C-alpha cells in the first residue's frame, strides 16, 4: 500500500509539472490513452524479450582494450 501511495503522489507531481509546462509554452497536454487498437485490453504480456548469446571471456576482454 505504501508503494501505491508513493506512486500516486509521484503521479500528482508529474501532472502538476506537465500542467505548468503547458501553461508556460501554451501547449495542451496529450489526450488520455484510448482503447488499444488491437482491441485486446486485458492481455498485457509486455514485449517479447530474446536472450542473446553471451560473448566468450577473451572476446569481452579484447573489446575493452
Protein backbone atom coordinates (compact mmCIF):
# COMPACT_ATOMS: atom_id res chain seq x y z
CA UNK A 1 0.00 0.00 0.00
CA UNK A 2 2.87 2.38 0.75
CA UNK A 3 4.33 1.83 -2.71
CA UNK A 4 0.99 2.51 -4.37
CA UNK A 5 0.57 5.68 -2.33
CA UNK A 6 4.08 6.81 -3.31
CA UNK A 7 3.37 6.17 -6.98
CA UNK A 8 0.07 8.05 -6.71
CA UNK A 9 1.87 11.03 -5.17
CA UNK A 10 4.55 10.97 -7.86
CA UNK A 11 1.79 10.91 -10.48
CA UNK A 12 0.22 14.01 -8.95
CA UNK A 13 3.54 15.87 -9.00
CA UNK A 14 4.22 14.86 -12.61
CA UNK A 15 0.73 16.01 -13.63
CA UNK A 16 1.35 19.38 -11.95
CA UNK A 17 4.68 19.72 -13.77
CA UNK A 18 3.08 18.87 -17.13
CA UNK A 19 0.31 21.38 -16.47
CA UNK A 20 2.90 24.04 -15.58
CA UNK A 21 4.87 23.28 -18.74
CA UNK A 22 1.68 23.59 -20.77
CA UNK A 23 0.94 26.95 -19.15
CA UNK A 24 4.43 28.24 -19.90
CA UNK A 25 4.57 27.01 -23.51
CA UNK A 26 0.91 27.32 -24.44
CA UNK A 27 0.78 23.65 -25.45
CA UNK A 28 -2.04 21.42 -24.34
CA UNK A 29 -1.17 18.12 -22.65
CA UNK A 30 -1.64 14.94 -24.68
CA UNK A 31 -5.06 13.36 -24.70
CA UNK A 32 -5.51 10.36 -22.40
CA UNK A 33 -4.82 7.00 -23.98
CA UNK A 34 -7.85 5.39 -25.54
CA UNK A 35 -8.55 1.70 -26.01
CA UNK A 36 -5.82 -0.30 -27.68
CA UNK A 37 -6.03 -0.61 -31.46
CA UNK A 38 -5.95 -4.41 -31.39
CA UNK A 39 -8.95 -4.47 -29.02
CA UNK A 40 -7.16 -6.76 -26.57
CA UNK A 41 -7.29 -4.69 -23.39
CA UNK A 42 -6.96 -7.43 -20.78
CA UNK A 43 -3.87 -9.26 -22.01
CA UNK A 44 -0.77 -7.27 -21.07
CA UNK A 45 2.13 -9.60 -21.82
CA UNK A 46 4.69 -6.89 -22.46
CA UNK A 47 7.46 -7.00 -25.01
CA UNK A 48 8.96 -10.16 -26.42
CA UNK A 49 12.46 -10.44 -24.99
CA UNK A 50 15.06 -12.71 -26.52
CA UNK A 51 18.24 -13.53 -24.66
CA UNK A 52 21.30 -13.09 -26.86
CA UNK A 53 24.22 -15.50 -26.67
CA UNK A 54 26.98 -14.41 -24.30
CA UNK A 55 30.40 -13.45 -25.61
CA UNK A 56 33.40 -15.51 -24.61
CA UNK A 57 35.55 -14.00 -21.82
CA UNK A 58 38.52 -13.49 -24.17
CA UNK A 59 36.39 -11.59 -26.68
CA UNK A 60 35.00 -9.33 -23.93
CA UNK A 61 38.50 -8.52 -22.67
CA UNK A 62 39.66 -7.76 -26.22
CA UNK A 63 36.85 -5.23 -26.73
CA UNK A 64 37.72 -3.33 -23.50
CA UNK A 65 41.30 -2.55 -24.57
